Amino acid sequence: MGNISTLAQSVFPPGERVGEHVHEDLIEIFMVLSGSGVITIEENDYDLLTGVTVVVEAGERHALENTGSEELVLQYFGISL
């Protein structure tokens, strides 16, 4: 699988938040399977909606939150540099 270090699915209940953090040697790719929320990357907010894919480059500060009324379900990959 090459440099893929993580392949996982996470479920975030309404209101759940992952605080700001950084991965210096990891690219993360998030795919929204259902629900809605917001991901903040380097102080810019992006909507997380069903079908959206977001890439967080290594070294970028990021956080996410389920801002909807249903579970936010994400599939994500971590790619080590």
N, C-alpha and C. Protein backbone atom coordinates (compact mmCIF):
# COMPACT_ATOMS: atom_id res chain seq x y z
N MET A 1 0.83 -1.20 0.00
CA MET A 1 0.00 0.00 0.00
C MET A 1 0.87 1.25 0.00
N GLY A 2 2.15 1.10 -0.23
CA GLY A 2 2.99 2.29 -0.34
C GLY A 2 3.08 3.06 0.96
N ASN A 3 2.86 4.35 0.87
CA ASN A 3 3.00 5.23 2.03
C ASN A 3 1.69 5.47 2.78
N ILE A 4 0.64 4.73 2.48
CA ILE A 4 -0.61 4.90 3.23
C ILE A 4 -0.39 4.32 4.63
N SER A 5 -0.48 5.19 5.62
CA SER A 5 -0.24 4.76 7.01
C SER A 5 -1.52 4.60 7.80
N THR A 6 -2.61 5.21 7.31
CA THR A 6 -3.89 5.14 7.99
C THR A 6 -5.00 5.02 6.96
N LEU A 7 -5.94 4.17 7.24
CA LEU A 7 -7.18 4.08 6.47
C LEU A 7 -8.25 3.77 7.50
N ALA A 8 -9.15 4.71 7.73
CA ALA A 8 -10.11 4.54 8.81
C ALA A 8 -11.41 5.26 8.49
N GLN A 9 -12.41 4.91 9.26
CA GLN A 9 -13.70 5.60 9.21
C GLN A 9 -14.00 6.10 10.61
N SER A 10 -14.43 7.35 10.71
CA SER A 10 -14.78 7.93 12.01
C SER A 10 -16.20 8.47 11.97
N VAL A 11 -16.88 8.33 13.10
CA VAL A 11 -18.23 8.85 13.25
C VAL A 11 -18.22 9.88 14.37
N PHE A 12 -18.66 11.10 14.04
CA PHE A 12 -18.68 12.20 15.01
C PHE A 12 -20.13 12.57 15.30
N PRO A 13 -20.56 12.46 16.56
CA PRO A 13 -21.93 12.88 16.89
C PRO A 13 -22.06 14.40 16.77
N PRO A 14 -23.29 14.89 16.68
CA PRO A 14 -23.49 16.33 16.59
C PRO A 14 -22.74 17.07 17.71
N GLY A 15 -22.07 18.14 17.32
CA GLY A 15 -21.34 18.96 18.27
C GLY A 15 -19.92 18.51 18.58
N GLU A 16 -19.56 17.29 18.19
CA GLU A 16 -18.20 16.81 18.49
C GLU A 16 -17.18 17.58 17.67
N ARG A 17 -16.03 17.83 18.30
CA ARG A 17 -14.97 18.64 17.68
C ARG A 17 -13.63 17.95 17.88
N VAL A 18 -12.81 18.01 16.86
CA VAL A 18 -11.40 17.60 16.96
C VAL A 18 -10.60 18.89 16.95
N GLY A 19 -9.87 19.14 18.03
CA GLY A 19 -9.12 20.38 18.18
C GLY A 19 -8.00 20.53 17.17
N GLU A 20 -7.54 21.76 17.05
CA GLU A 20 -6.48 22.08 16.10
C GLU A 20 -5.22 21.27 16.38
N HIS A 21 -4.63 20.75 15.32
CA HIS A 21 -3.39 20.00 15.43
C HIS A 21 -2.67 20.01 14.08
N VAL A 22 -1.44 19.50 14.08
CA VAL A 22 -0.60 19.49 12.88
C VAL A 22 0.08 18.13 12.77
N HIS A 23 0.22 17.64 11.54
CA HIS A 23 1.03 16.46 11.25
C HIS A 23 2.15 16.93 10.32
N GLU A 24 3.35 16.93 10.81
CA GLU A 24 4.48 17.43 10.01
C GLU A 24 4.86 16.49 8.88
N ASP A 25 4.60 15.20 9.04
CA ASP A 25 5.06 14.23 8.05
C ASP A 25 3.92 13.36 7.51
N LEU A 26 2.70 13.95 7.46
CA LEU A 26 1.53 13.17 7.05
C LEU A 26 0.57 14.05 6.27
N ILE A 27 0.12 13.56 5.13
CA ILE A 27 -0.97 14.17 4.37
C ILE A 27 -2.24 13.42 4.76
N GLU A 28 -3.34 14.15 5.00
CA GLU A 28 -4.61 13.50 5.32
C GLU A 28 -5.63 13.83 4.24
N ILE A 29 -6.38 12.80 3.84
CA ILE A 29 -7.44 12.96 2.86
C ILE A 29 -8.74 12.52 3.52
N PHE A 30 -9.69 13.44 3.63
CA PHE A 30 -10.99 13.18 4.27
C PHE A 30 -12.08 13.12 3.21
N MET A 31 -12.90 12.08 3.24
CA MET A 31 -14.06 11.95 2.36
C MET A 31 -15.30 11.91 3.23
N VAL A 32 -16.25 12.78 2.96
CA VAL A 32 -17.48 12.85 3.75
C VAL A 32 -18.48 11.84 3.19
N LEU A 33 -18.79 10.84 4.00
CA LEU A 33 -19.76 9.82 3.59
C LEU A 33 -21.19 10.24 3.91
N SER A 34 -21.38 10.95 5.04
CA SER A 34 -22.70 11.47 5.39
C SER A 34 -22.56 12.51 6.48
N GLY A 35 -23.60 13.31 6.61
CA GLY A 35 -23.60 14.35 7.63
C GLY A 35 -23.01 15.65 7.11
N SER A 36 -22.75 16.56 8.05
CA SER A 36 -22.20 17.86 7.68
C SER A 36 -21.36 18.41 8.83
N GLY A 37 -20.46 19.28 8.46
CA GLY A 37 -19.59 19.90 9.45
C GLY A 37 -18.71 20.93 8.80
N VAL A 38 -17.67 21.29 9.52
CA VAL A 38 -16.70 22.29 9.04
C VAL A 38 -15.31 21.79 9.37
N ILE A 39 -14.39 21.93 8.40
CA ILE A 39 -12.99 21.70 8.68
C ILE A 39 -12.28 23.03 8.53
N THR A 40 -11.44 23.35 9.48
CA THR A 40 -10.65 24.58 9.45
C THR A 40 -9.22 24.20 9.13
N ILE A 41 -8.69 24.77 8.07
CA ILE A 41 -7.32 24.53 7.66
C ILE A 41 -6.62 25.87 7.57
N GLU A 42 -5.59 26.04 8.41
CA GLU A 42 -4.85 27.30 8.40
C GLU A 42 -5.79 28.50 8.51
N GLU A 43 -6.73 28.43 9.43
CA GLU A 43 -7.69 29.50 9.75
C GLU A 43 -8.74 29.75 8.67
N ASN A 44 -8.83 28.89 7.66
CA ASN A 44 -9.87 28.99 6.64
C ASN A 44 -10.87 27.85 6.85
N ASP A 45 -12.17 28.19 6.86
CA ASP A 45 -13.23 27.21 7.07
C ASP A 45 -13.73 26.67 5.74
N TYR A 46 -13.95 25.35 5.70
CA TYR A 46 -14.48 24.67 4.52
C TYR A 46 -15.63 23.77 4.97
N ASP A 47 -16.73 23.82 4.22
CA ASP A 47 -17.89 22.99 4.56
C ASP A 47 -17.60 21.53 4.26
N LEU A 48 -17.99 20.68 5.19
CA LEU A 48 -17.94 19.24 5.00
C LEU A 48 -19.37 18.79 4.72
N LEU A 49 -19.62 18.37 3.50
CA LEU A 49 -20.94 17.92 3.07
C LEU A 49 -20.79 16.57 2.39
N THR A 50 -21.83 15.78 2.38
CA THR A 50 -21.79 14.45 1.76
C THR A 50 -21.21 14.54 0.36
N GLY A 51 -20.20 13.70 0.10
CA GLY A 51 -19.56 13.65 -1.21
C GLY A 51 -18.33 14.52 -1.36
N VAL A 52 -18.06 15.39 -0.40
CA VAL A 52 -16.90 16.28 -0.47
C VAL A 52 -15.65 15.54 -0.02
N THR A 53 -14.53 15.82 -0.70
CA THR A 53 -13.22 15.31 -0.31
C THR A 53 -12.31 16.49 -0.04
N VAL A 54 -11.57 16.43 1.07
CA VAL A 54 -10.67 17.51 1.46
C VAL A 54 -9.29 16.93 1.71
N VAL A 55 -8.26 17.62 1.22
CA VAL A 55 -6.87 17.22 1.45
C VAL A 55 -6.23 18.22 2.39
N VAL A 56 -5.61 17.70 3.46
CA VAL A 56 -4.84 18.53 4.39
C VAL A 56 -3.38 18.16 4.18
N GLU A 57 -2.61 19.12 3.71
CA GLU A 57 -1.19 18.88 3.43
C GLU A 57 -0.39 18.79 4.73
N ALA A 58 0.73 18.12 4.68
CA ALA A 58 1.62 18.03 5.84
C ALA A 58 1.98 19.44 6.29
N GLY A 59 1.98 19.66 7.60
CA GLY A 59 2.35 20.95 8.17
C GLY A 59 1.21 21.94 8.29
N GLU A 60 0.02 21.62 7.75
CA GLU A 60 -1.11 22.54 7.86
C GLU A 60 -1.86 22.31 9.16
N ARG A 61 -2.11 23.38 9.91
CA ARG A 61 -2.91 23.32 11.12
C ARG A 61 -4.37 23.08 10.71
N HIS A 62 -5.02 22.14 11.41
CA HIS A 62 -6.41 21.84 11.04
C HIS A 62 -7.20 21.36 12.24
N ALA A 63 -8.50 21.55 12.16
CA ALA A 63 -9.47 21.11 13.17
C ALA A 63 -10.77 20.83 12.44
N LEU A 64 -11.63 20.04 13.06
CA LEU A 64 -12.93 19.83 12.42
C LEU A 64 -14.01 19.70 13.47
N GLU A 65 -15.25 19.96 13.02
CA GLU A 65 -16.39 19.93 13.93
C GLU A 65 -17.64 19.47 13.18
N ASN A 66 -18.44 18.65 13.85
CA ASN A 66 -19.75 18.30 13.33
C ASN A 66 -20.69 19.42 13.73
N THR A 67 -21.10 20.22 12.75
CA THR A 67 -22.00 21.34 13.02
C THR A 67 -23.45 21.01 12.67
N GLY A 68 -23.67 19.77 12.22
CA GLY A 68 -25.01 19.36 11.83
C GLY A 68 -25.79 18.73 12.96
N SER A 69 -26.98 18.24 12.62
CA SER A 69 -27.86 17.60 13.62
C SER A 69 -27.81 16.08 13.54
N GLU A 70 -27.03 15.55 12.60
CA GLU A 70 -26.86 14.10 12.44
C GLU A 70 -25.39 13.75 12.56
N GLU A 71 -25.09 12.46 12.66
CA GLU A 71 -23.70 12.03 12.73
C GLU A 71 -22.94 12.45 11.46
N LEU A 72 -21.70 12.88 11.65
CA LEU A 72 -20.79 13.17 10.55
C LEU A 72 -19.91 11.94 10.39
N VAL A 73 -19.96 11.31 9.21
CA VAL A 73 -19.19 10.10 8.97
C VAL A 73 -18.12 10.40 7.92
N LEU A 74 -16.87 10.19 8.33
CA LEU A 74 -15.72 10.46 7.47
C LEU A 74 -14.92 9.19 7.22
N GLN A 75 -14.48 9.02 6.00
CA GLN A 75 -13.47 8.01 5.65
C GLN A 75 -12.20 8.82 5.44
N TYR A 76 -11.08 8.36 6.00
CA TYR A 76 -9.86 9.14 5.78
C TYR A 76 -8.64 8.26 5.61
N PHE A 77 -7.69 8.84 4.85
CA PHE A 77 -6.41 8.22 4.58
C PHE A 77 -5.32 9.10 5.15
N GLY A 78 -4.29 8.50 5.69
CA GLY A 78 -3.08 9.21 6.07
C GLY A 78 -1.95 8.71 5.18
N ILE A 79 -1.24 9.62 4.54
CA ILE A 79 -0.15 9.25 3.65
C ILE A 79 1.14 9.82 4.25
N SER A 80 2.04 8.93 4.65
CA SER A 80 3.31 9.35 5.25
C SER A 80 4.25 9.87 4.16
N LEU A 81 4.99 10.90 4.52
CA LEU A 81 5.98 11.45 3.58
C LEU A 81 7.31 10.77 3.76
